[in-house]
Amino acid sequence: MKSKLILSTALAATLGLAACSNMSSSQQSTLSGAGIGTAAGVAVGAITGDWAWAAAGAAIGAGAGYLTEQERARQQAAQQKAFNEGVAAGKAQAK
């Protein structure tokens, strides 16, 4: 019964926080990662009986979400830079 209560609370918190629409992309990824990590940690905690897994899952998930978003932004910036350089080279060649 206790594990069902904790699992349903974690799910409700995750769904409630997912509704925060005026966050930056980085904040959304970090929060999503934390929610997914918490859910995974709660699942492991329910199996093992050690609820510290929920906190560890939240921390690992938040870090992974943040790093994933930072890498996505870095790749997007590199693609935009390459595009702009290509456009500039094409314009120079057309003259």
N, C-alpha and C. Protein backbone atom coordinates (compact mmCIF):
# COMPACT_ATOMS: atom_id res chain seq x y z
N MET A 1 0.82 -1.18 0.00
CA MET A 1 0.00 0.00 0.00
C MET A 1 0.87 1.25 0.00
N LYS A 2 1.94 1.23 0.81
CA LYS A 2 2.82 2.39 0.90
C LYS A 2 3.50 2.68 -0.43
N SER A 3 3.92 1.64 -1.13
CA SER A 3 4.58 1.84 -2.41
C SER A 3 3.61 2.41 -3.45
N LYS A 4 2.36 2.02 -3.41
CA LYS A 4 1.36 2.57 -4.34
C LYS A 4 1.12 4.04 -4.06
N LEU A 5 1.12 4.41 -2.79
CA LEU A 5 0.92 5.81 -2.42
C LEU A 5 2.10 6.66 -2.91
N ILE A 6 3.30 6.18 -2.72
CA ILE A 6 4.48 6.93 -3.16
C ILE A 6 4.52 7.01 -4.67
N LEU A 7 4.22 5.93 -5.35
CA LEU A 7 4.22 5.92 -6.81
C LEU A 7 3.17 6.88 -7.37
N SER A 8 1.98 6.87 -6.80
CA SER A 8 0.93 7.76 -7.30
C SER A 8 1.26 9.22 -6.99
N THR A 9 1.90 9.48 -5.86
CA THR A 9 2.31 10.85 -5.54
C THR A 9 3.38 11.34 -6.51
N ALA A 10 4.35 10.48 -6.81
CA ALA A 10 5.40 10.86 -7.76
C ALA A 10 4.81 11.11 -9.15
N LEU A 11 3.88 10.28 -9.55
CA LEU A 11 3.23 10.46 -10.86
C LEU A 11 2.44 11.76 -10.90
N ALA A 12 1.70 12.05 -9.85
CA ALA A 12 0.91 13.28 -9.80
C ALA A 12 1.82 14.51 -9.82
N ALA A 13 2.92 14.45 -9.10
CA ALA A 13 3.86 15.57 -9.09
C ALA A 13 4.47 15.77 -10.46
N THR A 14 4.84 14.69 -11.12
CA THR A 14 5.42 14.77 -12.45
C THR A 14 4.44 15.38 -13.44
N LEU A 15 3.20 14.93 -13.41
CA LEU A 15 2.18 15.46 -14.32
C LEU A 15 1.87 16.92 -14.01
N GLY A 16 1.85 17.27 -12.74
CA GLY A 16 1.58 18.65 -12.36
C GLY A 16 2.68 19.59 -12.82
N LEU A 17 3.91 19.17 -12.69
CA LEU A 17 5.02 20.01 -13.10
C LEU A 17 5.17 20.07 -14.62
N ALA A 18 4.68 19.08 -15.30
CA ALA A 18 4.77 19.06 -16.76
C ALA A 18 3.92 20.15 -17.39
N ALA A 19 2.99 20.70 -16.63
CA ALA A 19 2.11 21.73 -17.16
C ALA A 19 2.75 23.12 -17.18
N CYS A 20 3.97 23.26 -16.73
CA CYS A 20 4.65 24.56 -16.69
C CYS A 20 5.12 24.91 -18.10
N SER A 21 4.28 25.66 -18.82
CA SER A 21 4.56 25.90 -20.23
C SER A 21 5.43 27.11 -20.50
N ASN A 22 5.60 28.01 -19.55
CA ASN A 22 6.40 29.19 -19.82
C ASN A 22 7.83 29.03 -19.29
N MET A 23 8.36 27.84 -19.43
CA MET A 23 9.75 27.56 -19.05
C MET A 23 10.62 27.56 -20.30
N SER A 24 11.91 27.77 -20.08
CA SER A 24 12.83 27.66 -21.21
C SER A 24 12.98 26.19 -21.59
N SER A 25 13.53 25.98 -22.74
CA SER A 25 13.74 24.60 -23.22
C SER A 25 14.65 23.83 -22.28
N SER A 26 15.67 24.50 -21.77
CA SER A 26 16.60 23.86 -20.83
C SER A 26 15.90 23.48 -19.54
N GLN A 27 15.05 24.36 -19.03
CA GLN A 27 14.32 24.06 -17.81
C GLN A 27 13.35 22.90 -18.02
N GLN A 28 12.69 22.88 -19.16
CA GLN A 28 11.75 21.79 -19.44
C GLN A 28 12.47 20.46 -19.53
N SER A 29 13.64 20.43 -20.18
CA SER A 29 14.39 19.18 -20.29
C SER A 29 14.89 18.71 -18.93
N THR A 30 15.36 19.65 -18.13
CA THR A 30 15.83 19.30 -16.79
C THR A 30 14.69 18.74 -15.94
N LEU A 31 13.54 19.39 -15.99
CA LEU A 31 12.39 18.93 -15.22
C LEU A 31 11.88 17.59 -15.72
N SER A 32 11.85 17.42 -17.03
CA SER A 32 11.41 16.13 -17.58
C SER A 32 12.36 15.01 -17.15
N GLY A 33 13.65 15.28 -17.23
CA GLY A 33 14.63 14.29 -16.80
C GLY A 33 14.47 13.95 -15.33
N ALA A 34 14.23 14.97 -14.51
CA ALA A 34 14.03 14.72 -13.08
C ALA A 34 12.78 13.88 -12.83
N GLY A 35 11.72 14.18 -13.57
CA GLY A 35 10.49 13.40 -13.40
C GLY A 35 10.65 11.96 -13.82
N ILE A 36 11.31 11.75 -14.94
CA ILE A 36 11.54 10.38 -15.42
C ILE A 36 12.47 9.64 -14.46
N GLY A 37 13.51 10.34 -14.01
CA GLY A 37 14.44 9.73 -13.06
C GLY A 37 13.78 9.38 -11.74
N THR A 38 12.90 10.27 -11.27
CA THR A 38 12.17 10.00 -10.02
C THR A 38 11.28 8.78 -10.18
N ALA A 39 10.58 8.71 -11.30
CA ALA A 39 9.71 7.55 -11.54
C ALA A 39 10.51 6.25 -11.56
N ALA A 40 11.65 6.30 -12.23
CA ALA A 40 12.50 5.10 -12.27
C ALA A 40 13.03 4.78 -10.87
N GLY A 41 13.43 5.82 -10.13
CA GLY A 41 13.92 5.60 -8.78
C GLY A 41 12.86 5.05 -7.85
N VAL A 42 11.63 5.52 -7.99
CA VAL A 42 10.53 5.00 -7.18
C VAL A 42 10.28 3.54 -7.52
N ALA A 43 10.36 3.21 -8.79
CA ALA A 43 10.15 1.80 -9.19
C ALA A 43 11.22 0.90 -8.58
N VAL A 44 12.47 1.35 -8.64
CA VAL A 44 13.55 0.56 -8.04
C VAL A 44 13.38 0.52 -6.53
N GLY A 45 13.00 1.66 -5.94
CA GLY A 45 12.78 1.70 -4.50
C GLY A 45 11.66 0.77 -4.05
N ALA A 46 10.63 0.66 -4.85
CA ALA A 46 9.53 -0.24 -4.51
C ALA A 46 9.98 -1.69 -4.52
N ILE A 47 10.89 -1.99 -5.41
CA ILE A 47 11.39 -3.37 -5.50
C ILE A 47 12.36 -3.67 -4.37
N THR A 48 13.28 -2.72 -4.11
CA THR A 48 14.34 -2.97 -3.12
C THR A 48 13.94 -2.56 -1.71
N GLY A 49 12.96 -1.68 -1.57
CA GLY A 49 12.57 -1.18 -0.26
C GLY A 49 13.43 -0.02 0.21
N ASP A 50 14.34 0.44 -0.60
CA ASP A 50 15.22 1.56 -0.27
C ASP A 50 14.79 2.77 -1.08
N TRP A 51 14.16 3.76 -0.43
CA TRP A 51 13.56 4.89 -1.13
C TRP A 51 14.57 5.96 -1.50
N ALA A 52 15.82 5.78 -1.14
CA ALA A 52 16.85 6.73 -1.57
C ALA A 52 17.03 6.69 -3.09
N TRP A 53 16.59 5.61 -3.69
CA TRP A 53 16.67 5.49 -5.15
C TRP A 53 15.86 6.58 -5.85
N ALA A 54 14.77 7.01 -5.24
CA ALA A 54 13.94 8.06 -5.84
C ALA A 54 14.72 9.37 -5.94
N ALA A 55 15.43 9.72 -4.88
CA ALA A 55 16.23 10.95 -4.89
C ALA A 55 17.39 10.83 -5.87
N ALA A 56 18.03 9.68 -5.87
CA ALA A 56 19.14 9.47 -6.80
C ALA A 56 18.64 9.53 -8.24
N GLY A 57 17.51 8.93 -8.51
CA GLY A 57 16.94 8.95 -9.85
C GLY A 57 16.60 10.36 -10.29
N ALA A 58 16.06 11.15 -9.37
CA ALA A 58 15.73 12.54 -9.70
C ALA A 58 16.98 13.33 -10.03
N ALA A 59 18.02 13.17 -9.24
CA ALA A 59 19.26 13.91 -9.48
C ALA A 59 19.92 13.49 -10.80
N ILE A 60 19.99 12.21 -11.04
CA ILE A 60 20.59 11.72 -12.28
C ILE A 60 19.75 12.13 -13.49
N GLY A 61 18.44 12.01 -13.37
CA GLY A 61 17.56 12.40 -14.47
C GLY A 61 17.63 13.88 -14.78
N ALA A 62 17.68 14.72 -13.74
CA ALA A 62 17.79 16.17 -13.96
C ALA A 62 19.10 16.51 -14.66
N GLY A 63 20.17 15.89 -14.22
CA GLY A 63 21.47 16.13 -14.86
C GLY A 63 21.48 15.68 -16.31
N ALA A 64 20.92 14.52 -16.56
CA ALA A 64 20.87 14.01 -17.93
C ALA A 64 20.00 14.89 -18.82
N GLY A 65 18.87 15.35 -18.30
CA GLY A 65 18.00 16.24 -19.07
C GLY A 65 18.69 17.54 -19.41
N TYR A 66 19.38 18.12 -18.44
CA TYR A 66 20.10 19.38 -18.66
C TYR A 66 21.21 19.21 -19.69
N LEU A 67 22.01 18.16 -19.53
CA LEU A 67 23.12 17.94 -20.47
C LEU A 67 22.63 17.63 -21.87
N THR A 68 21.53 16.91 -21.99
CA THR A 68 20.96 16.61 -23.29
C THR A 68 20.53 17.89 -24.00
N GLU A 69 19.88 18.79 -23.26
CA GLU A 69 19.44 20.05 -23.86
C GLU A 69 20.63 20.93 -24.25
N GLN A 70 21.67 20.94 -23.45
CA GLN A 70 22.85 21.73 -23.78
C GLN A 70 23.52 21.21 -25.06
N GLU A 71 23.57 19.91 -25.21
CA GLU A 71 24.16 19.32 -26.42
C GLU A 71 23.28 19.62 -27.64
N ARG A 72 21.98 19.55 -27.47
CA ARG A 72 21.06 19.86 -28.56
C ARG A 72 21.25 21.32 -29.01
N ALA A 73 21.38 22.23 -28.06
CA ALA A 73 21.58 23.64 -28.38
C ALA A 73 22.92 23.86 -29.08
N ARG A 74 23.95 23.14 -28.63
CA ARG A 74 25.27 23.26 -29.25
C ARG A 74 25.23 22.79 -30.70
N GLN A 75 24.56 21.68 -30.95
CA GLN A 75 24.45 21.16 -32.31
C GLN A 75 23.63 22.10 -33.20
N GLN A 76 22.57 22.66 -32.67
CA GLN A 76 21.76 23.58 -33.44
C GLN A 76 22.56 24.83 -33.81
N ALA A 77 23.36 25.34 -32.88
CA ALA A 77 24.19 26.51 -33.16
C ALA A 77 25.23 26.20 -34.23
N ALA A 78 25.81 25.01 -34.17
CA ALA A 78 26.80 24.61 -35.17
C ALA A 78 26.16 24.48 -36.55
N GLN A 79 24.96 23.93 -36.60
CA GLN A 79 24.26 23.81 -37.89
C GLN A 79 23.90 25.18 -38.45
N GLN A 80 23.46 26.08 -37.59
CA GLN A 80 23.11 27.43 -38.06
C GLN A 80 24.35 28.15 -38.57
N LYS A 81 25.47 27.99 -37.87
CA LYS A 81 26.72 28.62 -38.30
C LYS A 81 27.15 28.09 -39.67
N ALA A 82 27.08 26.77 -39.86
CA ALA A 82 27.45 26.17 -41.14
C ALA A 82 26.52 26.65 -42.25
N PHE A 83 25.24 26.76 -41.97
CA PHE A 83 24.28 27.26 -42.95
C PHE A 83 24.62 28.70 -43.35
N ASN A 84 24.87 29.55 -42.35
CA ASN A 84 25.19 30.95 -42.63
C ASN A 84 26.48 31.08 -43.45
N GLU A 85 27.47 30.26 -43.14
CA GLU A 85 28.72 30.28 -43.90
C GLU A 85 28.49 29.82 -45.34
N GLY A 86 27.64 28.83 -45.50
CA GLY A 86 27.31 28.36 -46.85
C GLY A 86 26.57 29.41 -47.67
N VAL A 87 25.66 30.10 -47.04
CA VAL A 87 24.93 31.16 -47.72
C VAL A 87 25.89 32.27 -48.13
N ALA A 88 26.79 32.65 -47.21
CA ALA A 88 27.76 33.71 -47.49
C ALA A 88 28.69 33.29 -48.63
N ALA A 89 29.11 32.04 -48.63
CA ALA A 89 30.00 31.55 -49.70
C ALA A 89 29.26 31.54 -51.04
N GLY A 90 27.99 31.15 -51.03
CA GLY A 90 27.21 31.14 -52.25
C GLY A 90 27.01 32.53 -52.81
N LYS A 91 26.75 33.50 -51.94
CA LYS A 91 26.59 34.87 -52.38
C LYS A 91 27.90 35.42 -52.94
N ALA A 92 29.01 35.09 -52.29
CA ALA A 92 30.31 35.56 -52.78
C ALA A 92 30.63 34.95 -54.13
N GLN A 93 30.27 33.72 -54.32
CA GLN A 93 30.55 33.02 -55.58
C GLN A 93 29.66 33.55 -56.71
N ALA A 94 28.45 33.99 -56.36
CA ALA A 94 27.53 34.48 -57.38
C ALA A 94 27.95 35.85 -57.92
N LYS A 95 28.74 36.59 -57.17
CA LYS A 95 29.15 37.93 -57.60
C LYS A 95 30.22 37.90 -58.63
